[in-house]
Amino acid sequence: MVTKGERVQSKNILGKTVVSKAGKTFGIVGDIIFETKTGELIYIVLKNPTPYAMNFDLQKDEKGRLQIPFSAVVAIGDYVLVAEEDIL
């Protein structure tokens, strides 16, 4: 499991299910947005967002897809674990 601050390759994030610490599903990681100069991950773009994810006031990309701030990611393992309190 990868925790905050550790390096992770994008191929290890894409396609993973995004869940909250409470076990609520947000959707699947469809893409990532990063700062090209620094390589810092900024957003996870959701593919197939769940109705639960739609309840949040998440930013959208130019295609209207929901984005979760990467700062809300707690850990990456079998799932991408996010802290709901960091999304709000």
PDB file of N, CA and C in Angstrom:
ATOM      1  N   MET A   1       0.844  -1.175   0.000  1.00  0.00           N
ATOM      2  CA  MET A   1       0.000   0.000   0.000  1.00  0.00           C
ATOM      3  C   MET A   1       0.889   1.237   0.000  1.00  0.00           C
ATOM      4  N   VAL A   2       0.521   2.184  -0.823  1.00  0.00           N
ATOM      5  CA  VAL A   2       1.256   3.440  -0.918  1.00  0.00           C
ATOM      6  C   VAL A   2       0.517   4.475  -0.091  1.00  0.00           C
ATOM      7  N   THR A   3       1.261   5.218   0.723  1.00  0.00           N
ATOM      8  CA  THR A   3       0.645   6.269   1.517  1.00  0.00           C
ATOM      9  C   THR A   3       1.137   7.619   1.034  1.00  0.00           C
ATOM     10  N   LYS A   4       0.516   8.658   1.550  1.00  0.00           N
ATOM     11  CA  LYS A   4       0.821  10.024   1.138  1.00  0.00           C
ATOM     12  C   LYS A   4       2.319  10.307   1.187  1.00  0.00           C
ATOM     13  N   GLY A   5       2.811  10.959   0.146  1.00  0.00           N
ATOM     14  CA  GLY A   5       4.210  11.337   0.103  1.00  0.00           C
ATOM     15  C   GLY A   5       5.095  10.341  -0.628  1.00  0.00           C
ATOM     16  N   GLU A   6       4.605   9.124  -0.839  1.00  0.00           N
ATOM     17  CA  GLU A   6       5.392   8.122  -1.560  1.00  0.00           C
ATOM     18  C   GLU A   6       5.151   8.275  -3.057  1.00  0.00           C
ATOM     19  N   ARG A   7       6.091   7.794  -3.842  1.00  0.00           N
ATOM     20  CA  ARG A   7       5.965   7.874  -5.296  1.00  0.00           C
ATOM     21  C   ARG A   7       5.068   6.752  -5.798  1.00  0.00           C
ATOM     22  N   VAL A   8       4.284   7.069  -6.825  1.00  0.00           N
ATOM     23  CA  VAL A   8       3.401   6.076  -7.419  1.00  0.00           C
ATOM     24  C   VAL A   8       3.314   6.351  -8.923  1.00  0.00           C
ATOM     25  N   GLN A   9       3.320   5.302  -9.717  1.00  0.00           N
ATOM     26  CA  GLN A   9       3.204   5.453 -11.162  1.00  0.00           C
ATOM     27  C   GLN A   9       1.732   5.549 -11.533  1.00  0.00           C
ATOM     28  N   SER A  10       1.422   6.362 -12.537  1.00  0.00           N
ATOM     29  CA  SER A  10       0.030   6.566 -12.930  1.00  0.00           C
ATOM     30  C   SER A  10      -0.651   5.262 -13.328  1.00  0.00           C
ATOM     31  N   LYS A  11       0.090   4.345 -13.929  1.00  0.00           N
ATOM     32  CA  LYS A  11      -0.528   3.079 -14.334  1.00  0.00           C
ATOM     33  C   LYS A  11      -1.012   2.275 -13.137  1.00  0.00           C
ATOM     34  N   ASN A  12      -0.482   2.588 -11.942  1.00  0.00           N
ATOM     35  CA  ASN A  12      -0.910   1.905 -10.730  1.00  0.00           C
ATOM     36  C   ASN A  12      -2.139   2.549 -10.094  1.00  0.00           C
ATOM     37  N   ILE A  13      -2.613   3.653 -10.655  1.00  0.00           N
ATOM     38  CA  ILE A  13      -3.793   4.348 -10.140  1.00  0.00           C
ATOM     39  C   ILE A  13      -4.981   4.164 -11.081  1.00  0.00           C
ATOM     40  N   LEU A  14      -4.732   4.259 -12.377  1.00  0.00           N
ATOM     41  CA  LEU A  14      -5.804   4.186 -13.365  1.00  0.00           C
ATOM     42  C   LEU A  14      -6.576   2.878 -13.254  1.00  0.00           C
ATOM     43  N   GLY A  15      -7.898   2.979 -13.265  1.00  0.00           N
ATOM     44  CA  GLY A  15      -8.753   1.800 -13.209  1.00  0.00           C
ATOM     45  C   GLY A  15      -9.097   1.321 -11.809  1.00  0.00           C
ATOM     46  N   LYS A  16      -8.482   1.926 -10.789  1.00  0.00           N
ATOM     47  CA  LYS A  16      -8.789   1.513  -9.410  1.00  0.00           C
ATOM     48  C   LYS A  16     -10.089   2.161  -8.941  1.00  0.00           C
ATOM     49  N   THR A  17     -10.778   1.478  -8.056  1.00  0.00           N
ATOM     50  CA  THR A  17     -11.993   2.005  -7.455  1.00  0.00           C
ATOM     51  C   THR A  17     -11.619   3.018  -6.382  1.00  0.00           C
ATOM     52  N   VAL A  18     -12.335   4.147  -6.360  1.00  0.00           N
ATOM     53  CA  VAL A  18     -12.111   5.191  -5.362  1.00  0.00           C
ATOM     54  C   VAL A  18     -13.160   5.016  -4.268  1.00  0.00           C
ATOM     55  N   VAL A  19     -12.693   4.842  -3.029  1.00  0.00           N
ATOM     56  CA  VAL A  19     -13.594   4.671  -1.883  1.00  0.00           C
ATOM     57  C   VAL A  19     -13.186   5.616  -0.757  1.00  0.00           C
ATOM     58  N   SER A  20     -14.171   5.944   0.077  1.00  0.00           N
ATOM     59  CA  SER A  20     -13.896   6.786   1.240  1.00  0.00           C
ATOM     60  C   SER A  20     -13.460   5.909   2.411  1.00  0.00           C
ATOM     61  N   LYS A  21     -12.964   6.550   3.455  1.00  0.00           N
ATOM     62  CA  LYS A  21     -12.582   5.811   4.659  1.00  0.00           C
ATOM     63  C   LYS A  21     -13.788   5.123   5.279  1.00  0.00           C
ATOM     64  N   ALA A  22     -14.990   5.634   5.003  1.00  0.00           N
ATOM     65  CA  ALA A  22     -16.226   5.041   5.519  1.00  0.00           C
ATOM     66  C   ALA A  22     -16.725   3.899   4.630  1.00  0.00           C
ATOM     67  N   GLY A  23     -15.996   3.624   3.535  1.00  0.00           N
ATOM     68  CA  GLY A  23     -16.371   2.525   2.661  1.00  0.00           C
ATOM     69  C   GLY A  23     -17.327   2.888   1.543  1.00  0.00           C
ATOM     70  N   LYS A  24     -17.603   4.169   1.346  1.00  0.00           N
ATOM     71  CA  LYS A  24     -18.499   4.615   0.282  1.00  0.00           C
ATOM     72  C   LYS A  24     -17.728   4.693  -1.039  1.00  0.00           C
ATOM     73  N   THR A  25     -18.333   4.197  -2.115  1.00  0.00           N
ATOM     74  CA  THR A  25     -17.681   4.184  -3.424  1.00  0.00           C
ATOM     75  C   THR A  25     -17.980   5.474  -4.186  1.00  0.00           C
ATOM     76  N   PHE A  26     -16.930   6.040  -4.786  1.00  0.00           N
ATOM     77  CA  PHE A  26     -17.063   7.260  -5.581  1.00  0.00           C
ATOM     78  C   PHE A  26     -17.064   6.971  -7.076  1.00  0.00           C
ATOM     79  N   GLY A  27     -16.391   5.934  -7.502  1.00  0.00           N
ATOM     80  CA  GLY A  27     -16.283   5.601  -8.919  1.00  0.00           C
ATOM     81  C   GLY A  27     -14.927   4.976  -9.204  1.00  0.00           C
ATOM     82  N   ILE A  28     -14.523   5.061 -10.461  1.00  0.00           N
ATOM     83  CA  ILE A  28     -13.261   4.475 -10.929  1.00  0.00           C
ATOM     84  C   ILE A  28     -12.333   5.605 -11.373  1.00  0.00           C
ATOM     85  N   VAL A  29     -11.034   5.447 -11.140  1.00  0.00           N
ATOM     86  CA  VAL A  29     -10.063   6.431 -11.624  1.00  0.00           C
ATOM     87  C   VAL A  29      -9.969   6.280 -13.141  1.00  0.00           C
ATOM     88  N   GLY A  30     -10.435   7.303 -13.858  1.00  0.00           N
ATOM     89  CA  GLY A  30     -10.406   7.281 -15.314  1.00  0.00           C
ATOM     90  C   GLY A  30      -9.211   8.020 -15.876  1.00  0.00           C
ATOM     91  N   ASP A  31      -8.705   8.979 -15.109  1.00  0.00           N
ATOM     92  CA  ASP A  31      -7.577   9.790 -15.572  1.00  0.00           C
ATOM     93  C   ASP A  31      -6.999  10.504 -14.359  1.00  0.00           C
ATOM     94  N   ILE A  32      -5.841  11.098 -14.539  1.00  0.00           N
ATOM     95  CA  ILE A  32      -5.247  11.934 -13.498  1.00  0.00           C
ATOM     96  C   ILE A  32      -4.798  13.236 -14.141  1.00  0.00           C
ATOM     97  N   ILE A  33      -4.820  14.290 -13.353  1.00  0.00           N
ATOM     98  CA  ILE A  33      -4.345  15.590 -13.807  1.00  0.00           C
ATOM     99  C   ILE A  33      -3.161  15.957 -12.929  1.00  0.00           C
ATOM    100  N   PHE A  34      -2.074  16.367 -13.574  1.00  0.00           N
ATOM    101  CA  PHE A  34      -0.872  16.702 -12.811  1.00  0.00           C
ATOM    102  C   PHE A  34      -0.228  17.965 -13.362  1.00  0.00           C
ATOM    103  N   GLU A  35       0.593  18.571 -12.539  1.00  0.00           N
ATOM    104  CA  GLU A  35       1.362  19.757 -12.913  1.00  0.00           C
ATOM    105  C   GLU A  35       2.553  19.281 -13.727  1.00  0.00           C
ATOM    106  N   THR A  36       2.659  19.719 -14.979  1.00  0.00           N
ATOM    107  CA  THR A  36       3.704  19.206 -15.860  1.00  0.00           C
ATOM    108  C   THR A  36       5.116  19.606 -15.420  1.00  0.00           C
ATOM    109  N   LYS A  37       5.262  20.757 -14.805  1.00  0.00           N
ATOM    110  CA  LYS A  37       6.602  21.205 -14.403  1.00  0.00           C
ATOM    111  C   LYS A  37       7.145  20.414 -13.217  1.00  0.00           C
ATOM    112  N   THR A  38       6.256  20.093 -12.269  1.00  0.00           N
ATOM    113  CA  THR A  38       6.715  19.427 -11.049  1.00  0.00           C
ATOM    114  C   THR A  38       6.338  17.949 -10.984  1.00  0.00           C
ATOM    115  N   GLY A  39       5.349  17.545 -11.769  1.00  0.00           N
ATOM    116  CA  GLY A  39       4.872  16.172 -11.716  1.00  0.00           C
ATOM    117  C   GLY A  39       3.894  15.930 -10.579  1.00  0.00           C
ATOM    118  N   GLU A  40       3.543  16.991  -9.859  1.00  0.00           N
ATOM    119  CA  GLU A  40       2.626  16.865  -8.728  1.00  0.00           C
ATOM    120  C   GLU A  40       1.231  16.496  -9.223  1.00  0.00           C
ATOM    121  N   LEU A  41       0.642  15.464  -8.605  1.00  0.00           N
ATOM    122  CA  LEU A  41      -0.723  15.062  -8.948  1.00  0.00           C
ATOM    123  C   LEU A  41      -1.691  16.060  -8.334  1.00  0.00           C
ATOM    124  N   ILE A  42      -2.643  16.522  -9.144  1.00  0.00           N
ATOM    125  CA  ILE A  42      -3.576  17.541  -8.678  1.00  0.00           C
ATOM    126  C   ILE A  42      -4.976  16.970  -8.483  1.00  0.00           C
ATOM    127  N   TYR A  43      -5.470  16.229  -9.480  1.00  0.00           N
ATOM    128  CA  TYR A  43      -6.816  15.667  -9.407  1.00  0.00           C
ATOM    129  C   TYR A  43      -6.841  14.235  -9.905  1.00  0.00           C
ATOM    130  N   ILE A  44      -7.769  13.478  -9.348  1.00  0.00           N
ATOM    131  CA  ILE A  44      -8.172  12.188  -9.896  1.00  0.00           C
ATOM    132  C   ILE A  44      -9.481  12.462 -10.630  1.00  0.00           C
ATOM    133  N   VAL A  45      -9.560  12.054 -11.880  1.00  0.00           N
ATOM    134  CA  VAL A  45     -10.774  12.228 -12.662  1.00  0.00           C
ATOM    135  C   VAL A  45     -11.569  10.926 -12.583  1.00  0.00           C
ATOM    136  N   LEU A  46     -12.834  11.040 -12.177  1.00  0.00           N
ATOM    137  CA  LEU A  46     -13.671   9.856 -11.998  1.00  0.00           C
ATOM    138  C   LEU A  46     -14.317   9.404 -13.300  1.00  0.00           C
ATOM    139  N   LYS A  47     -14.267   8.111 -13.517  1.00  0.00           N
ATOM    140  CA  LYS A  47     -15.014   7.474 -14.588  1.00  0.00           C
ATOM    141  C   LYS A  47     -16.151   6.721 -13.902  1.00  0.00           C
ATOM    142  N   ASN A  48     -17.330   6.770 -14.464  1.00  0.00           N
ATOM    143  CA  ASN A  48     -18.504   6.103 -13.879  1.00  0.00           C
ATOM    144  C   ASN A  48     -18.734   6.515 -12.419  1.00  0.00           C
ATOM    145  N   PRO A  49     -18.870   7.828 -12.158  1.00  0.00           N
ATOM    146  CA  PRO A  49     -19.108   8.247 -10.775  1.00  0.00           C
ATOM    147  C   PRO A  49     -20.419   7.680 -10.245  1.00  0.00           C
ATOM    148  N   THR A  50     -20.424   7.343  -8.978  1.00  0.00           N
ATOM    149  CA  THR A  50     -21.620   6.797  -8.340  1.00  0.00           C
ATOM    150  C   THR A  50     -22.562   7.946  -7.951  1.00  0.00           C
ATOM    151  N   PRO A  51     -23.818   7.623  -7.680  1.00  0.00           N
ATOM    152  CA  PRO A  51     -24.734   8.655  -7.179  1.00  0.00           C
ATOM    153  C   PRO A  51     -24.197   9.304  -5.897  1.00  0.00           C
ATOM    154  N   TYR A  52     -23.472   8.530  -5.082  1.00  0.00           N
ATOM    155  CA  TYR A  52     -22.884   9.090  -3.864  1.00  0.00           C
ATOM    156  C   TYR A  52     -21.893  10.208  -4.207  1.00  0.00           C
ATOM    157  N   ALA A  53     -21.055   9.985  -5.207  1.00  0.00           N
ATOM    158  CA  ALA A  53     -20.071  10.993  -5.613  1.00  0.00           C
ATOM    159  C   ALA A  53     -20.755  12.238  -6.156  1.00  0.00           C
ATOM    160  N   MET A  54     -21.908  12.047  -6.807  1.00  0.00           N
ATOM    161  CA  MET A  54     -22.632  13.178  -7.393  1.00  0.00           C
ATOM    162  C   MET A  54     -23.183  14.117  -6.315  1.00  0.00           C
ATOM    163  N   ASN A  55     -23.291  13.633  -5.071  1.00  0.00           N
ATOM    164  CA  ASN A  55     -23.787  14.461  -3.972  1.00  0.00           C
ATOM    165  C   ASN A  55     -22.775  15.501  -3.514  1.00  0.00           C
ATOM    166  N   PHE A  56     -21.523  15.337  -3.898  1.00  0.00           N
ATOM    167  CA  PHE A  56     -20.467  16.274  -3.505  1.00  0.00           C
ATOM    168  C   PHE A  56     -20.361  17.395  -4.539  1.00  0.00           C
ATOM    169  N   ASP A  57     -19.946  18.537  -4.089  1.00  0.00           N
ATOM    170  CA  ASP A  57     -19.754  19.679  -4.983  1.00  0.00           C
ATOM    171  C   ASP A  57     -18.328  19.629  -5.547  1.00  0.00           C
ATOM    172  N   LEU A  58     -18.074  18.611  -6.373  1.00  0.00           N
ATOM    173  CA  LEU A  58     -16.738  18.405  -6.933  1.00  0.00           C
ATOM    174  C   LEU A  58     -16.532  19.249  -8.179  1.00  0.00           C
ATOM    175  N   GLN A  59     -15.295  19.663  -8.389  1.00  0.00           N
ATOM    176  CA  GLN A  59     -14.972  20.370  -9.627  1.00  0.00           C
ATOM    177  C   GLN A  59     -15.083  19.393 -10.781  1.00  0.00           C
ATOM    178  N   LYS A  60     -15.277  19.951 -11.980  1.00  0.00           N
ATOM    179  CA  LYS A  60     -15.372  19.132 -13.184  1.00  0.00           C
ATOM    180  C   LYS A  60     -14.297  19.564 -14.167  1.00  0.00           C
ATOM    181  N   ASP A  61     -13.851  18.599 -14.983  1.00  0.00           N
ATOM    182  CA  ASP A  61     -12.886  18.948 -16.018  1.00  0.00           C
ATOM    183  C   ASP A  61     -13.636  19.494 -17.228  1.00  0.00           C
ATOM    184  N   GLU A  62     -12.897  19.778 -18.297  1.00  0.00           N
ATOM    185  CA  GLU A  62     -13.493  20.381 -19.494  1.00  0.00           C
ATOM    186  C   GLU A  62     -14.525  19.474 -20.174  1.00  0.00           C
ATOM    187  N   LYS A  63     -14.501  18.197 -19.851  1.00  0.00           N
ATOM    188  CA  LYS A  63     -15.475  17.249 -20.408  1.00  0.00           C
ATOM    189  C   LYS A  63     -16.637  16.999 -19.448  1.00  0.00           C
ATOM    190  N   GLY A  64     -16.653  17.703 -18.309  1.00  0.00           N
ATOM    191  CA  GLY A  64     -17.730  17.553 -17.338  1.00  0.00           C
ATOM    192  C   GLY A  64     -17.550  16.392 -16.380  1.00  0.00           C
ATOM    193  N   ARG A  65     -16.368  15.768 -16.376  1.00  0.00           N
ATOM    194  CA  ARG A  65     -16.106  14.648 -15.477  1.00  0.00           C
ATOM    195  C   ARG A  65     -15.724  15.166 -14.096  1.00  0.00           C
ATOM    196  N   LEU A  66     -16.203  14.476 -13.067  1.00  0.00           N
ATOM    197  CA  LEU A  66     -15.917  14.880 -11.690  1.00  0.00           C
ATOM    198  C   LEU A  66     -14.449  14.658 -11.349  1.00  0.00           C
ATOM    199  N   GLN A  67     -13.905  15.583 -10.555  1.00  0.00           N
ATOM    200  CA  GLN A  67     -12.501  15.515 -10.140  1.00  0.00           C
ATOM    201  C   GLN A  67     -12.419  15.513  -8.614  1.00  0.00           C
ATOM    202  N   ILE A  68     -11.601  14.631  -8.093  1.00  0.00           N
ATOM    203  CA  ILE A  68     -11.329  14.600  -6.655  1.00  0.00           C
ATOM    204  C   ILE A  68      -9.917  15.129  -6.452  1.00  0.00           C
ATOM    205  N   PRO A  69      -9.753  16.112  -5.553  1.00  0.00           N
ATOM    206  CA  PRO A  69      -8.401  16.632  -5.307  1.00  0.00           C
ATOM    207  C   PRO A  69      -7.479  15.517  -4.819  1.00  0.00           C
ATOM    208  N   PHE A  70      -6.293  15.446  -5.388  1.00  0.00           N
ATOM    209  CA  PHE A  70      -5.362  14.404  -4.968  1.00  0.00           C
ATOM    210  C   PHE A  70      -4.957  14.583  -3.513  1.00  0.00           C
ATOM    211  N   SER A  71      -5.084  15.790  -2.999  1.00  0.00           N
ATOM    212  CA  SER A  71      -4.769  16.029  -1.583  1.00  0.00           C
ATOM    213  C   SER A  71      -5.697  15.248  -0.660  1.00  0.00           C
ATOM    214  N   ALA A  72      -6.843  14.772  -1.164  1.00  0.00           N
ATOM    215  CA  ALA A  72      -7.776  13.992  -0.363  1.00  0.00           C
ATOM    216  C   ALA A  72      -7.407  12.513  -0.319  1.00  0.00           C
ATOM    217  N   VAL A  73      -6.449  12.096  -1.145  1.00  0.00           N
ATOM    218  CA  VAL A  73      -6.044  10.690  -1.179  1.00  0.00           C
ATOM    219  C   VAL A  73      -5.231  10.363   0.074  1.00  0.00           C
ATOM    220  N   VAL A  74      -5.664   9.317   0.757  1.00  0.00           N
ATOM    221  CA  VAL A  74      -4.992   8.880   1.983  1.00  0.00           C
ATOM    222  C   VAL A  74      -4.006   7.758   1.668  1.00  0.00           C
ATOM    223  N   ALA A  75      -4.423   6.819   0.820  1.00  0.00           N
ATOM    224  CA  ALA A  75      -3.578   5.669   0.490  1.00  0.00           C
ATOM    225  C   ALA A  75      -4.030   5.065  -0.834  1.00  0.00           C
ATOM    226  N   ILE A  76      -3.103   4.326  -1.456  1.00  0.00           N
ATOM    227  CA  ILE A  76      -3.398   3.620  -2.699  1.00  0.00           C
ATOM    228  C   ILE A  76      -2.936   2.185  -2.519  1.00  0.00           C
ATOM    229  N   GLY A  77      -3.858   1.272  -2.693  1.00  0.00           N
ATOM    230  CA  GLY A  77      -3.578  -0.158  -2.607  1.00  0.00           C
ATOM    231  C   GLY A  77      -4.468  -0.850  -3.613  1.00  0.00           C
ATOM    232  N   ASP A  78      -5.304  -1.755  -3.148  1.00  0.00           N
ATOM    233  CA  ASP A  78      -6.303  -2.361  -4.027  1.00  0.00           C
ATOM    234  C   ASP A  78      -7.317  -1.314  -4.463  1.00  0.00           C
ATOM    235  N   TYR A  79      -7.497  -0.291  -3.638  1.00  0.00           N
ATOM    236  CA  TYR A  79      -8.401   0.820  -3.891  1.00  0.00           C
ATOM    237  C   TYR A  79      -7.627   2.124  -3.727  1.00  0.00           C
ATOM    238  N   VAL A  80      -8.228   3.218  -4.214  1.00  0.00           N
ATOM    239  CA  VAL A  80      -7.722   4.554  -3.888  1.00  0.00           C
ATOM    240  C   VAL A  80      -8.600   5.040  -2.752  1.00  0.00           C
ATOM    241  N   LEU A  81      -7.999   5.200  -1.592  1.00  0.00           N
ATOM    242  CA  LEU A  81      -8.723   5.597  -0.382  1.00  0.00           C
ATOM    243  C   LEU A  81      -8.666   7.108  -0.219  1.00  0.00           C
ATOM    244  N   VAL A  82      -9.832   7.735  -0.079  1.00  0.00           N
ATOM    245  CA  VAL A  82      -9.888   9.188   0.087  1.00  0.00           C
ATOM    246  C   VAL A  82     -10.563   9.554   1.396  1.00  0.00           C
ATOM    247  N   ALA A  83     -10.213  10.717   1.914  1.00  0.00           N
ATOM    248  CA  ALA A  83     -10.830  11.266   3.123  1.00  0.00           C
ATOM    249  C   ALA A  83     -11.909  12.249   2.687  1.00  0.00           C
ATOM    250  N   GLU A  84     -13.162  11.927   2.981  1.00  0.00           N
ATOM    251  CA  GLU A  84     -14.274  12.803   2.586  1.00  0.00           C
ATOM    252  C   GLU A  84     -14.106  14.220   3.120  1.00  0.00           C
ATOM    253  N   GLU A  85     -13.596  14.357   4.326  1.00  0.00           N
ATOM    254  CA  GLU A  85     -13.451  15.684   4.911  1.00  0.00           C
ATOM    255  C   GLU A  85     -12.462  16.554   4.129  1.00  0.00           C
ATOM    256  N   ASP A  86     -11.565  15.936   3.358  1.00  0.00           N
ATOM    257  CA  ASP A  86     -10.612  16.694   2.549  1.00  0.00           C
ATOM    258  C   ASP A  86     -11.161  17.035   1.165  1.00  0.00           C
ATOM    259  N   ILE A  87     -12.328  16.484   0.841  1.00  0.00           N
ATOM    260  CA  ILE A  87     -12.952  16.773  -0.447  1.00  0.00           C
ATOM    261  C   ILE A  87     -13.813  18.017  -0.350  1.00  0.00           C
ATOM    262  N   LEU A  88     -14.421  18.227   0.805  1.00  0.00           N
ATOM    263  CA  LEU A  88     -15.375  19.309   0.978  1.00  0.00           C
ATOM    264  C   LEU A  88     -14.775  20.659   0.843  1.00  0.00           C
TER     265      LEU A  88
END
